[in-house]
Amino acid sequence: MLTLLAQIAPQRSTQYATLANDLAIPELQLSPLGKQISHITPVTLGGQAYLRFDLPAEPDAANRHELSMLAMTSAFFVYHERLDELEGPWLRPLETHFQPTISPELIETRRYRGKTNELFTHFLCNIARFSSSFADQPWRGLRLFDPLAGGGTTLFTGLVLGADVAGVEQSSDDVKSTVAFLQQYMREERIACQVKEERLKKLGLRWVFSIGKPAQQCTLVAGETEQSNVLLPGFKPHLIVADLPYGVQHQGPLTNLLASALPVWTAMLLRGGALVLAWDATRFTRAEMISLIETAAPLRVLNDPPYDGLAHRVDRVIKQRDVLVAQRA
């Protein structure tokens, strides 16, 4: 039996100070290594927070790579209580070999009002992959869709991980600013990038990027999410990830949005694919969200532990944000 320590990822913002502590354990449990892990315990060494856990043996290269792509932990160590006659604890760094296809600076540099925390977005993308029938496939072969794309954080996260991505956003100004940022970033970083702009008659505007070599595709559309299947003809995502609008005082607008859009999103999703939604559960409870999802679309909500323990506090307004995961059978 081997004991490892996973260092909890540091948070730059005090607003999200406890985010990684709240979500690191379920992310580790749901990862491809989760079934091998036992005895997960939070510990503090030298003022730094870690997760301590046991594995049957030292992880191979593939599993080290999976560890390196977790969002809520930042480094891994083999733990020894003592070495020969020397009292510990002693930590040996575990090389994990994560090589992003595009620098994570792509996600971090883009700033806009209402941006979702980068680590939380990465967490949502990971949970979607882990919960799908495609968990054993590398990101490089997956397609990720954000039907409420905002300023593009989820799309940029997917690109960094290696996926092909597509997003729909109602605000044409938001989409245009995201397009401009992406073009400028690729130019400054000298990354090969081709973009095609298309005007969709009576529907909106679409930009299709071909980025890097081998090329990744990123499609951004200014249009209504309820028309996603028409705006993105033939696009069949493995994963759908969305951070639902905050600041909704009554559940009516959110209910109406999901009731009309979920059937469209689900029809696009490949069988075995996963849908992950984050929302402000302060007023709209988890039970209400589960009922809405299962009524609106042929999806199976995953609600056994640890899926039922993903709620966490964000700030004084959003006292409880929750995450719901569903799979298309």
C-alpha atoms as a PDB file:
ATOM      1  CA  MET A   1       0.000   0.000   0.000  1.00  0.00           C
ATOM      2  CA  LEU A   2       1.284   3.452  -0.958  1.00  0.00           C
ATOM      3  CA  THR A   3       0.318   6.700   0.782  1.00  0.00           C
ATOM      4  CA  LEU A   4       0.121   9.900  -1.273  1.00  0.00           C
ATOM      5  CA  LEU A   5      -0.463  13.527  -0.402  1.00  0.00           C
ATOM      6  CA  ALA A   6      -2.300  15.812  -2.821  1.00  0.00           C
ATOM      7  CA  GLN A   7      -1.685  19.509  -2.263  1.00  0.00           C
ATOM      8  CA  ILE A   8      -4.888  21.567  -2.303  1.00  0.00           C
ATOM      9  CA  ALA A   9      -4.756  24.119  -5.116  1.00  0.00           C
ATOM     10  CA  PRO A  10      -4.190  27.659  -3.831  1.00  0.00           C
ATOM     11  CA  GLN A  11      -6.873  30.273  -4.461  1.00  0.00           C
ATOM     12  CA  ARG A  12      -5.964  33.808  -5.489  1.00  0.00           C
ATOM     13  CA  SER A  13      -9.364  35.212  -4.544  1.00  0.00           C
ATOM     14  CA  THR A  14     -10.644  35.336  -0.975  1.00  0.00           C
ATOM     15  CA  GLN A  15     -14.131  34.950  -2.460  1.00  0.00           C
ATOM     16  CA  TYR A  16     -13.269  31.354  -3.369  1.00  0.00           C
ATOM     17  CA  ALA A  17     -10.987  30.641  -0.408  1.00  0.00           C
ATOM     18  CA  THR A  18     -12.669  27.364   0.552  1.00  0.00           C
ATOM     19  CA  LEU A  19     -13.618  26.212  -2.957  1.00  0.00           C
ATOM     20  CA  ALA A  20     -10.777  23.740  -3.464  1.00  0.00           C
ATOM     21  CA  ASN A  21     -11.122  22.369   0.071  1.00  0.00           C
ATOM     22  CA  ASP A  22     -14.823  21.715  -0.547  1.00  0.00           C
ATOM     23  CA  LEU A  23     -14.449  20.029  -3.934  1.00  0.00           C
ATOM     24  CA  ALA A  24     -11.042  18.311  -3.934  1.00  0.00           C
ATOM     25  CA  ILE A  25     -12.278  15.075  -2.325  1.00  0.00           C
ATOM     26  CA  PRO A  26     -15.244  14.443  -4.668  1.00  0.00           C
ATOM     27  CA  GLU A  27     -13.093  15.269  -7.709  1.00  0.00           C
ATOM     28  CA  LEU A  28     -10.492  12.727  -6.604  1.00  0.00           C
ATOM     29  CA  GLN A  29     -13.189  10.124  -5.852  1.00  0.00           C
ATOM     30  CA  LEU A  30     -14.781  10.554  -9.290  1.00  0.00           C
ATOM     31  CA  SER A  31     -11.480  10.504 -11.192  1.00  0.00           C
ATOM     32  CA  PRO A  32     -10.303   7.376 -13.057  1.00  0.00           C
ATOM     33  CA  LEU A  33      -8.175   6.555  -9.989  1.00  0.00           C
ATOM     34  CA  GLY A  34     -11.134   6.902  -7.631  1.00  0.00           C
ATOM     35  CA  LYS A  35     -12.005   3.210  -7.381  1.00  0.00           C
ATOM     36  CA  GLN A  36      -8.457   2.390  -6.280  1.00  0.00           C
ATOM     37  CA  ILE A  37      -8.264   5.105  -3.625  1.00  0.00           C
ATOM     38  CA  SER A  38      -8.978   4.502   0.050  1.00  0.00           C
ATOM     39  CA  HIS A  39      -8.782   6.411   3.318  1.00  0.00           C
ATOM     40  CA  ILE A  40      -8.986   9.982   1.989  1.00  0.00           C
ATOM     41  CA  THR A  41      -8.294  12.384   4.848  1.00  0.00           C
ATOM     42  CA  PRO A  42      -7.642  16.156   4.899  1.00  0.00           C
ATOM     43  CA  VAL A  43      -4.350  16.961   6.664  1.00  0.00           C
ATOM     44  CA  THR A  44      -2.234  20.050   7.247  1.00  0.00           C
ATOM     45  CA  LEU A  45       1.572  20.022   7.087  1.00  0.00           C
ATOM     46  CA  GLY A  46       3.619  23.148   7.515  1.00  0.00           C
ATOM     47  CA  GLY A  47       0.492  25.270   7.247  1.00  0.00           C
ATOM     48  CA  GLN A  48      -0.390  23.796   3.830  1.00  0.00           C
ATOM     49  CA  ALA A  49      -3.603  21.836   3.219  1.00  0.00           C
ATOM     50  CA  TYR A  50      -3.345  18.363   1.658  1.00  0.00           C
ATOM     51  CA  LEU A  51      -5.440  15.279   1.040  1.00  0.00           C
ATOM     52  CA  ARG A  52      -3.860  12.107   2.317  1.00  0.00           C
ATOM     53  CA  PHE A  53      -4.963   8.864   0.627  1.00  0.00           C
ATOM     54  CA  ASP A  54      -3.831   5.308  -0.072  1.00  0.00           C
ATOM     55  CA  LEU A  55      -3.295   3.492  -3.371  1.00  0.00           C
ATOM     56  CA  PRO A  56      -2.440  -0.188  -3.901  1.00  0.00           C
ATOM     57  CA  ALA A  57       0.732   0.796  -5.786  1.00  0.00           C
ATOM     58  CA  GLU A  58       2.495   3.794  -7.274  1.00  0.00           C
ATOM     59  CA  PRO A  59       0.400   5.104 -10.197  1.00  0.00           C
ATOM     60  CA  ASP A  60       1.627   4.358 -13.709  1.00  0.00           C
ATOM     61  CA  ALA A  61       2.240   7.052 -16.333  1.00  0.00           C
ATOM     62  CA  ALA A  62      -1.389   7.127 -17.479  1.00  0.00           C
ATOM     63  CA  ASN A  63      -2.742   7.540 -13.959  1.00  0.00           C
ATOM     64  CA  ARG A  64      -0.114  10.156 -13.116  1.00  0.00           C
ATOM     65  CA  HIS A  65      -1.327  12.086 -16.122  1.00  0.00           C
ATOM     66  CA  GLU A  66      -4.895  11.872 -14.817  1.00  0.00           C
ATOM     67  CA  LEU A  67      -3.768  13.182 -11.428  1.00  0.00           C
ATOM     68  CA  SER A  68      -2.011  16.105 -13.100  1.00  0.00           C
ATOM     69  CA  MET A  69      -5.228  17.177 -14.830  1.00  0.00           C
ATOM     70  CA  LEU A  70      -7.268  17.499 -11.645  1.00  0.00           C
ATOM     71  CA  ALA A  71      -8.445  21.036 -10.894  1.00  0.00           C
ATOM     72  CA  MET A  72      -8.608  21.213  -7.116  1.00  0.00           C
ATOM     73  CA  THR A  73      -5.162  19.757  -6.371  1.00  0.00           C
ATOM     74  CA  SER A  74      -1.855  21.130  -7.607  1.00  0.00           C
ATOM     75  CA  ALA A  75       0.965  18.722  -6.686  1.00  0.00           C
ATOM     76  CA  PHE A  76       1.378  15.142  -5.476  1.00  0.00           C
ATOM     77  CA  PHE A  77       3.868  13.509  -3.113  1.00  0.00           C
ATOM     78  CA  VAL A  78       4.655  10.007  -1.886  1.00  0.00           C
ATOM     79  CA  TYR A  79       4.336  10.132   1.912  1.00  0.00           C
ATOM     80  CA  HIS A  80       6.681   8.389   4.375  1.00  0.00           C
ATOM     81  CA  GLU A  81       6.248   8.444   8.146  1.00  0.00           C
ATOM     82  CA  ARG A  82       9.978   7.808   8.485  1.00  0.00           C
ATOM     83  CA  LEU A  83      13.030   6.860   6.413  1.00  0.00           C
ATOM     84  CA  ASP A  84      15.141   4.244   8.192  1.00  0.00           C
ATOM     85  CA  GLU A  85      15.998   5.846  11.531  1.00  0.00           C
ATOM     86  CA  LEU A  86      14.939   9.357  10.514  1.00  0.00           C
ATOM     87  CA  GLU A  87      11.602  10.554  11.810  1.00  0.00           C
ATOM     88  CA  GLY A  88       9.284  12.093   9.218  1.00  0.00           C
ATOM     89  CA  PRO A  89       7.060  12.967   7.701  1.00  0.00           C
ATOM     90  CA  TRP A  90       8.993  12.881   4.417  1.00  0.00           C
ATOM     91  CA  LEU A  91       7.517  13.813   1.040  1.00  0.00           C
ATOM     92  CA  ARG A  92       8.861  12.681  -2.334  1.00  0.00           C
ATOM     93  CA  PRO A  93       7.479  14.676  -5.306  1.00  0.00           C
ATOM     94  CA  LEU A  94       5.544  12.566  -7.808  1.00  0.00           C
ATOM     95  CA  GLU A  95       6.110  13.593 -11.423  1.00  0.00           C
ATOM     96  CA  THR A  96       2.757  13.886 -13.199  1.00  0.00           C
ATOM     97  CA  HIS A  97       3.728  15.110 -16.708  1.00  0.00           C
ATOM     98  CA  PHE A  98       0.773  17.350 -17.594  1.00  0.00           C
ATOM     99  CA  GLN A  99       1.391  19.084 -20.931  1.00  0.00           C
ATOM    100  CA  PRO A 100      -1.521  21.336 -21.888  1.00  0.00           C
ATOM    101  CA  THR A 101      -2.167  21.733 -25.596  1.00  0.00           C
ATOM    102  CA  ILE A 102      -2.402  25.516 -25.081  1.00  0.00           C
ATOM    103  CA  SER A 103      -1.008  27.454 -22.111  1.00  0.00           C
ATOM    104  CA  PRO A 104      -3.454  27.877 -19.197  1.00  0.00           C
ATOM    105  CA  GLU A 105      -2.709  31.592 -19.523  1.00  0.00           C
ATOM    106  CA  LEU A 106      -5.424  31.563 -22.195  1.00  0.00           C
ATOM    107  CA  ILE A 107      -7.982  31.050 -19.413  1.00  0.00           C
ATOM    108  CA  GLU A 108      -6.347  33.251 -16.809  1.00  0.00           C
ATOM    109  CA  THR A 109      -5.667  36.271 -19.030  1.00  0.00           C
ATOM    110  CA  ARG A 110      -9.249  36.700 -20.240  1.00  0.00           C
ATOM    111  CA  ARG A 111     -11.072  38.992 -17.794  1.00  0.00           C
ATOM    112  CA  TYR A 112     -14.717  40.036 -17.918  1.00  0.00           C
ATOM    113  CA  ARG A 113     -17.610  40.819 -15.628  1.00  0.00           C
ATOM    114  CA  GLY A 114     -19.310  37.689 -14.229  1.00  0.00           C
ATOM    115  CA  LYS A 115     -16.440  35.344 -15.108  1.00  0.00           C
ATOM    116  CA  THR A 116     -16.640  31.946 -13.441  1.00  0.00           C
ATOM    117  CA  ASN A 117     -13.634  30.955 -11.329  1.00  0.00           C
ATOM    118  CA  GLU A 118     -11.079  29.166 -13.553  1.00  0.00           C
ATOM    119  CA  LEU A 119     -10.477  26.230 -11.210  1.00  0.00           C
ATOM    120  CA  PHE A 120     -14.209  25.711 -10.752  1.00  0.00           C
ATOM    121  CA  THR A 121     -14.700  25.681 -14.533  1.00  0.00           C
ATOM    122  CA  HIS A 122     -11.896  23.131 -14.866  1.00  0.00           C
ATOM    123  CA  PHE A 123     -13.579  21.077 -12.122  1.00  0.00           C
ATOM    124  CA  LEU A 124     -16.904  21.107 -14.013  1.00  0.00           C
ATOM    125  CA  CYS A 125     -15.206  19.924 -17.200  1.00  0.00           C
ATOM    126  CA  ASN A 126     -13.408  17.127 -15.340  1.00  0.00           C
ATOM    127  CA  ILE A 127     -16.574  15.949 -13.608  1.00  0.00           C
ATOM    128  CA  ALA A 128     -18.364  15.841 -16.955  1.00  0.00           C
ATOM    129  CA  ARG A 129     -15.690  13.605 -18.479  1.00  0.00           C
ATOM    130  CA  PHE A 130     -15.399  11.391 -15.389  1.00  0.00           C
ATOM    131  CA  SER A 131     -19.188  10.873 -15.333  1.00  0.00           C
ATOM    132  CA  SER A 132     -19.584  10.015 -19.007  1.00  0.00           C
ATOM    133  CA  SER A 133     -19.050   6.785 -20.909  1.00  0.00           C
ATOM    134  CA  PHE A 134     -15.938   8.455 -22.360  1.00  0.00           C
ATOM    135  CA  ALA A 135     -13.980   8.731 -19.108  1.00  0.00           C
ATOM    136  CA  ASP A 136     -11.210   6.480 -20.435  1.00  0.00           C
ATOM    137  CA  GLN A 137     -10.748   8.582 -23.581  1.00  0.00           C
ATOM    138  CA  PRO A 138      -8.214  11.424 -23.675  1.00  0.00           C
ATOM    139  CA  TRP A 139      -9.450  14.989 -23.966  1.00  0.00           C
ATOM    140  CA  ARG A 140      -7.868  15.220 -27.399  1.00  0.00           C
ATOM    141  CA  GLY A 141     -10.645  13.066 -28.857  1.00  0.00           C
ATOM    142  CA  LEU A 142     -13.588  14.718 -27.086  1.00  0.00           C
ATOM    143  CA  ARG A 143     -16.019  17.505 -28.011  1.00  0.00           C
ATOM    144  CA  LEU A 144     -17.216  19.950 -25.339  1.00  0.00           C
ATOM    145  CA  PHE A 145     -20.267  22.235 -25.651  1.00  0.00           C
ATOM    146  CA  ASP A 146     -21.184  25.255 -23.527  1.00  0.00           C
ATOM    147  CA  PRO A 147     -24.723  26.366 -24.421  1.00  0.00           C
ATOM    148  CA  LEU A 148     -24.411  29.512 -22.257  1.00  0.00           C
ATOM    149  CA  ALA A 149     -20.889  30.495 -23.245  1.00  0.00           C
ATOM    150  CA  GLY A 150     -20.654  34.002 -21.782  1.00  0.00           C
ATOM    151  CA  GLY A 151     -17.059  35.195 -22.148  1.00  0.00           C
ATOM    152  CA  GLY A 152     -15.697  31.792 -23.105  1.00  0.00           C
ATOM    153  CA  THR A 153     -14.086  30.452 -19.901  1.00  0.00           C
ATOM    154  CA  THR A 154     -15.464  26.931 -20.395  1.00  0.00           C
ATOM    155  CA  LEU A 155     -14.451  26.909 -24.053  1.00  0.00           C
ATOM    156  CA  PHE A 156     -10.932  28.085 -23.258  1.00  0.00           C
ATOM    157  CA  THR A 157     -10.648  25.443 -20.536  1.00  0.00           C
ATOM    158  CA  GLY A 158     -11.647  22.768 -23.043  1.00  0.00           C
ATOM    159  CA  LEU A 159      -9.034  24.015 -25.506  1.00  0.00           C
ATOM    160  CA  VAL A 160      -6.293  23.914 -22.861  1.00  0.00           C
ATOM    161  CA  LEU A 161      -7.280  20.353 -21.949  1.00  0.00           C
ATOM    162  CA  GLY A 162      -7.219  19.336 -25.612  1.00  0.00           C
ATOM    163  CA  ALA A 163     -10.871  19.099 -26.667  1.00  0.00           C
ATOM    164  CA  ASP A 164     -12.714  20.538 -29.648  1.00  0.00           C
ATOM    165  CA  VAL A 165     -15.196  23.072 -28.301  1.00  0.00           C
ATOM    166  CA  ALA A 166     -18.318  24.980 -29.285  1.00  0.00           C
ATOM    167  CA  GLY A 167     -20.383  27.598 -27.501  1.00  0.00           C
ATOM    168  CA  VAL A 168     -23.581  29.553 -28.014  1.00  0.00           C
ATOM    169  CA  GLU A 169     -24.123  32.950 -26.385  1.00  0.00           C
ATOM    170  CA  GLN A 170     -27.097  35.287 -26.750  1.00  0.00           C
ATOM    171  CA  SER A 171     -25.055  38.490 -26.429  1.00  0.00           C
ATOM    172  CA  SER A 172     -23.368  39.227 -29.749  1.00  0.00           C
ATOM    173  CA  ASP A 173     -21.129  41.800 -28.008  1.00  0.00           C
ATOM    174  CA  ASP A 174     -19.816  39.113 -25.642  1.00  0.00           C
ATOM    175  CA  VAL A 175     -19.141  36.754 -28.531  1.00  0.00           C
ATOM    176  CA  LYS A 176     -17.415  39.426 -30.614  1.00  0.00           C
ATOM    177  CA  SER A 177     -15.154  40.407 -27.711  1.00  0.00           C
ATOM    178  CA  THR A 178     -14.300  36.727 -27.115  1.00  0.00           C
ATOM    179  CA  VAL A 179     -13.497  36.268 -30.799  1.00  0.00           C
ATOM    180  CA  ALA A 180     -11.271  39.349 -30.775  1.00  0.00           C
ATOM    181  CA  PHE A 181      -9.468  38.199 -27.627  1.00  0.00           C
ATOM    182  CA  LEU A 182      -8.881  34.696 -29.003  1.00  0.00           C
ATOM    183  CA  GLN A 183      -7.500  36.043 -32.290  1.00  0.00           C
ATOM    184  CA  GLN A 184      -5.174  38.439 -30.488  1.00  0.00           C
ATOM    185  CA  TYR A 185      -3.969  35.787 -28.035  1.00  0.00           C
ATOM    186  CA  MET A 186      -3.133  33.298 -30.781  1.00  0.00           C
ATOM    187  CA  ARG A 187      -1.332  36.004 -32.764  1.00  0.00           C
ATOM    188  CA  GLU A 188       0.746  37.138 -29.772  1.00  0.00           C
ATOM    189  CA  GLU A 189       1.626  33.548 -28.828  1.00  0.00           C
ATOM    190  CA  ARG A 190       2.414  32.698 -32.456  1.00  0.00           C
ATOM    191  CA  ILE A 191       0.000  29.792 -32.487  1.00  0.00           C
ATOM    192  CA  ALA A 192      -1.317  28.832 -35.915  1.00  0.00           C
ATOM    193  CA  CYS A 193      -4.905  30.040 -36.145  1.00  0.00           C
ATOM    194  CA  GLN A 194      -7.407  30.315 -38.961  1.00  0.00           C
ATOM    195  CA  VAL A 195     -10.875  31.753 -38.467  1.00  0.00           C
ATOM    196  CA  LYS A 196     -13.951  31.797 -40.668  1.00  0.00           C
ATOM    197  CA  GLU A 197     -16.837  34.172 -39.989  1.00  0.00           C
ATOM    198  CA  GLU A 198     -20.311  33.150 -41.125  1.00  0.00           C
ATOM    199  CA  ARG A 199     -23.588  35.065 -41.087  1.00  0.00           C
ATOM    200  CA  LEU A 200     -26.500  32.741 -40.333  1.00  0.00           C
ATOM    201  CA  LYS A 201     -29.658  34.037 -42.002  1.00  0.00           C
ATOM    202  CA  LYS A 202     -32.157  35.180 -39.325  1.00  0.00           C
ATOM    203  CA  LEU A 203     -30.254  33.201 -36.678  1.00  0.00           C
ATOM    204  CA  GLY A 204     -27.023  34.959 -35.756  1.00  0.00           C
ATOM    205  CA  LEU A 205     -23.289  34.956 -36.402  1.00  0.00           C
ATOM    206  CA  ARG A 206     -20.813  32.084 -36.212  1.00  0.00           C
ATOM    207  CA  TRP A 207     -17.023  32.017 -36.021  1.00  0.00           C
ATOM    208  CA  VAL A 208     -15.092  28.792 -36.615  1.00  0.00           C
ATOM    209  CA  PHE A 209     -11.470  28.667 -35.417  1.00  0.00           C
ATOM    210  CA  SER A 210      -8.860  26.114 -36.410  1.00  0.00           C
ATOM    211  CA  ILE A 211      -6.102  26.361 -33.808  1.00  0.00           C
ATOM    212  CA  GLY A 212      -2.646  24.779 -33.629  1.00  0.00           C
ATOM    213  CA  LYS A 213      -1.154  21.683 -35.222  1.00  0.00           C
ATOM    214  CA  PRO A 214      -2.756  19.177 -35.123  1.00  0.00           C
ATOM    215  CA  ALA A 215      -5.711  21.519 -35.268  1.00  0.00           C
ATOM    216  CA  GLN A 216      -8.315  21.964 -32.565  1.00  0.00           C
ATOM    217  CA  GLN A 217     -11.665  23.442 -33.505  1.00  0.00           C
ATOM    218  CA  CYS A 218     -13.387  26.198 -31.560  1.00  0.00           C
ATOM    219  CA  THR A 219     -16.792  27.428 -32.717  1.00  0.00           C
ATOM    220  CA  LEU A 220     -18.493  30.476 -31.212  1.00  0.00           C
ATOM    221  CA  VAL A 221     -22.033  31.436 -32.119  1.00  0.00           C
ATOM    222  CA  ALA A 222     -24.033  34.538 -31.316  1.00  0.00           C
ATOM    223  CA  GLY A 223     -27.617  33.304 -31.121  1.00  0.00           C
ATOM    224  CA  GLU A 224     -30.346  31.761 -28.986  1.00  0.00           C
ATOM    225  CA  THR A 225     -29.378  28.650 -27.058  1.00  0.00           C
ATOM    226  CA  GLU A 226     -32.786  27.097 -27.744  1.00  0.00           C
ATOM    227  CA  GLN A 227     -31.653  26.944 -31.397  1.00  0.00           C
ATOM    228  CA  SER A 228     -28.283  25.364 -30.666  1.00  0.00           C
ATOM    229  CA  ASN A 229     -28.970  22.356 -32.888  1.00  0.00           C
ATOM    230  CA  VAL A 230     -29.589  24.663 -35.861  1.00  0.00           C
ATOM    231  CA  LEU A 231     -26.726  27.007 -35.052  1.00  0.00           C
ATOM    232  CA  LEU A 232     -24.327  24.050 -34.782  1.00  0.00           C
ATOM    233  CA  PRO A 233     -25.604  21.544 -37.368  1.00  0.00           C
ATOM    234  CA  GLY A 234     -23.956  18.144 -37.034  1.00  0.00           C
ATOM    235  CA  PHE A 235     -22.094  19.023 -33.845  1.00  0.00           C
ATOM    236  CA  LYS A 236     -22.471  16.099 -31.423  1.00  0.00           C
ATOM    237  CA  PRO A 237     -20.728  16.809 -28.119  1.00  0.00           C
ATOM    238  CA  HIS A 238     -19.521  14.151 -25.708  1.00  0.00           C
ATOM    239  CA  LEU A 239     -19.890  16.639 -22.844  1.00  0.00           C
ATOM    240  CA  ILE A 240     -22.071  19.655 -22.063  1.00  0.00           C
ATOM    241  CA  VAL A 241     -20.979  22.056 -19.314  1.00  0.00           C
ATOM    242  CA  ALA A 242     -22.846  25.222 -18.337  1.00  0.00           C
ATOM    243  CA  ASP A 243     -22.764  27.674 -15.453  1.00  0.00           C
ATOM    244  CA  LEU A 244     -26.369  28.878 -15.272  1.00  0.00           C
ATOM    245  CA  PRO A 245     -27.207  32.580 -14.861  1.00  0.00           C
ATOM    246  CA  TYR A 246     -26.919  33.964 -11.342  1.00  0.00           C
ATOM    247  CA  GLY A 247     -28.923  36.769  -9.810  1.00  0.00           C
ATOM    248  CA  VAL A 248     -32.265  35.221 -10.778  1.00  0.00           C
ATOM    249  CA  GLN A 249     -34.615  36.344  -8.009  1.00  0.00           C
ATOM    250  CA  HIS A 250     -37.383  33.949  -9.010  1.00  0.00           C
ATOM    251  CA  GLN A 251     -37.028  30.487 -10.453  1.00  0.00           C
ATOM    252  CA  GLY A 252     -39.482  31.208 -13.286  1.00  0.00           C
ATOM    253  CA  PRO A 253     -36.951  32.530 -15.850  1.00  0.00           C
ATOM    254  CA  LEU A 254     -34.500  29.722 -15.099  1.00  0.00           C
ATOM    255  CA  THR A 255     -37.241  27.103 -15.275  1.00  0.00           C
ATOM    256  CA  ASN A 256     -38.463  28.458 -18.610  1.00  0.00           C
ATOM    257  CA  LEU A 257     -34.941  28.531 -20.044  1.00  0.00           C
ATOM    258  CA  LEU A 258     -34.189  24.939 -19.072  1.00  0.00           C
ATOM    259  CA  ALA A 259     -37.608  23.613 -20.073  1.00  0.00           C
ATOM    260  CA  SER A 260     -37.165  24.961 -23.606  1.00  0.00           C
ATOM    261  CA  ALA A 261     -33.424  24.410 -24.045  1.00  0.00           C
ATOM    262  CA  LEU A 262     -32.761  21.075 -22.330  1.00  0.00           C
ATOM    263  CA  PRO A 263     -34.522  18.937 -24.959  1.00  0.00           C
ATOM    264  CA  VAL A 264     -32.386  20.619 -27.646  1.00  0.00           C
ATOM    265  CA  TRP A 265     -29.124  20.213 -25.741  1.00  0.00           C
ATOM    266  CA  THR A 266     -29.882  16.589 -24.893  1.00  0.00           C
ATOM    267  CA  ALA A 267     -30.717  15.703 -28.498  1.00  0.00           C
ATOM    268  CA  MET A 268     -27.278  16.988 -29.488  1.00  0.00           C
ATOM    269  CA  LEU A 269     -25.464  15.064 -26.733  1.00  0.00           C
ATOM    270  CA  LEU A 270     -24.000  11.694 -27.695  1.00  0.00           C
ATOM    271  CA  ARG A 271     -25.404   8.653 -25.890  1.00  0.00           C
ATOM    272  CA  GLY A 272     -23.303   8.047 -22.823  1.00  0.00           C
ATOM    273  CA  GLY A 273     -22.425  11.722 -22.740  1.00  0.00           C
ATOM    274  CA  ALA A 274     -22.672  13.820 -19.588  1.00  0.00           C
ATOM    275  CA  LEU A 275     -24.369  17.128 -18.836  1.00  0.00           C
ATOM    276  CA  VAL A 276     -23.041  19.217 -15.929  1.00  0.00           C
ATOM    277  CA  LEU A 277     -24.850  22.314 -14.665  1.00  0.00           C
ATOM    278  CA  ALA A 278     -23.811  24.696 -11.894  1.00  0.00           C
ATOM    279  CA  TRP A 279     -26.393  27.045 -10.430  1.00  0.00           C
ATOM    280  CA  ASP A 280     -27.302  29.224  -7.467  1.00  0.00           C
ATOM    281  CA  ALA A 281     -29.194  26.794  -5.236  1.00  0.00           C
ATOM    282  CA  THR A 282     -29.916  29.417  -2.574  1.00  0.00           C
ATOM    283  CA  ARG A 283     -33.495  29.790  -3.845  1.00  0.00           C
ATOM    284  CA  PHE A 284     -33.770  26.975  -6.408  1.00  0.00           C
ATOM    285  CA  THR A 285     -33.163  23.736  -4.503  1.00  0.00           C
ATOM    286  CA  ARG A 286     -31.406  20.618  -5.684  1.00  0.00           C
ATOM    287  CA  ALA A 287     -34.639  18.607  -5.492  1.00  0.00           C
ATOM    288  CA  GLU A 288     -36.359  21.161  -7.726  1.00  0.00           C
ATOM    289  CA  MET A 289     -33.492  21.072 -10.219  1.00  0.00           C
ATOM    290  CA  ILE A 290     -33.490  17.262 -10.373  1.00  0.00           C
ATOM    291  CA  SER A 291     -37.230  17.218 -10.975  1.00  0.00           C
ATOM    292  CA  LEU A 292     -36.926  19.807 -13.737  1.00  0.00           C
ATOM    293  CA  ILE A 293     -34.064  18.030 -15.506  1.00  0.00           C
ATOM    294  CA  GLU A 294     -35.679  14.606 -15.455  1.00  0.00           C
ATOM    295  CA  THR A 295     -39.018  16.017 -16.610  1.00  0.00           C
ATOM    296  CA  ALA A 296     -37.620  18.103 -19.448  1.00  0.00           C
ATOM    297  CA  ALA A 297     -35.208  15.624 -21.047  1.00  0.00           C
ATOM    298  CA  PRO A 298     -34.294  11.920 -21.222  1.00  0.00           C
ATOM    299  CA  LEU A 299     -31.418  12.259 -18.780  1.00  0.00           C
ATOM    300  CA  ARG A 300     -30.460  10.210 -15.737  1.00  0.00           C
ATOM    301  CA  VAL A 301     -29.377  12.405 -12.859  1.00  0.00           C
ATOM    302  CA  LEU A 302     -26.454  11.000 -10.869  1.00  0.00           C
ATOM    303  CA  ASN A 303     -27.305  11.649  -7.230  1.00  0.00           C
ATOM    304  CA  ASP A 304     -25.474   9.002  -5.210  1.00  0.00           C
ATOM    305  CA  PRO A 305     -22.412  10.042  -3.165  1.00  0.00           C
ATOM    306  CA  PRO A 306     -20.289  11.970  -3.949  1.00  0.00           C
ATOM    307  CA  TYR A 307     -22.577  13.579  -6.541  1.00  0.00           C
ATOM    308  CA  ASP A 308     -24.979  14.699  -3.826  1.00  0.00           C
ATOM    309  CA  GLY A 309     -22.232  16.554  -1.963  1.00  0.00           C
ATOM    310  CA  LEU A 310     -21.036  19.143  -4.482  1.00  0.00           C
ATOM    311  CA  ALA A 311     -22.815  22.162  -2.980  1.00  0.00           C
ATOM    312  CA  HIS A 312     -20.594  24.942  -1.629  1.00  0.00           C
ATOM    313  CA  ARG A 313     -20.728  28.588  -0.584  1.00  0.00           C
ATOM    314  CA  VAL A 314     -19.538  31.318  -2.968  1.00  0.00           C
ATOM    315  CA  ASP A 315     -20.265  34.628  -1.235  1.00  0.00           C
ATOM    316  CA  ARG A 316     -22.857  36.488   0.831  1.00  0.00           C
ATOM    317  CA  VAL A 317     -25.337  36.487  -2.043  1.00  0.00           C
ATOM    318  CA  ILE A 318     -24.754  32.980  -3.396  1.00  0.00           C
ATOM    319  CA  LYS A 319     -24.854  31.138  -0.108  1.00  0.00           C
ATOM    320  CA  GLN A 320     -25.080  27.779  -1.858  1.00  0.00           C
ATOM    321  CA  ARG A 321     -23.966  26.963  -5.376  1.00  0.00           C
ATOM    322  CA  ASP A 322     -24.596  23.391  -6.431  1.00  0.00           C
ATOM    323  CA  VAL A 323     -23.540  21.121  -9.277  1.00  0.00           C
ATOM    324  CA  LEU A 324     -25.803  18.610 -10.970  1.00  0.00           C
ATOM    325  CA  VAL A 325     -24.523  15.802 -13.194  1.00  0.00           C
ATOM    326  CA  ALA A 326     -26.714  13.833 -15.594  1.00  0.00           C
ATOM    327  CA  GLN A 327     -25.978  11.228 -18.241  1.00  0.00           C
ATOM    328  CA  ARG A 328     -27.760  10.518 -21.499  1.00  0.00           C
ATOM    329  CA  ALA A 329     -28.574   6.819 -21.632  1.00  0.00           C
END
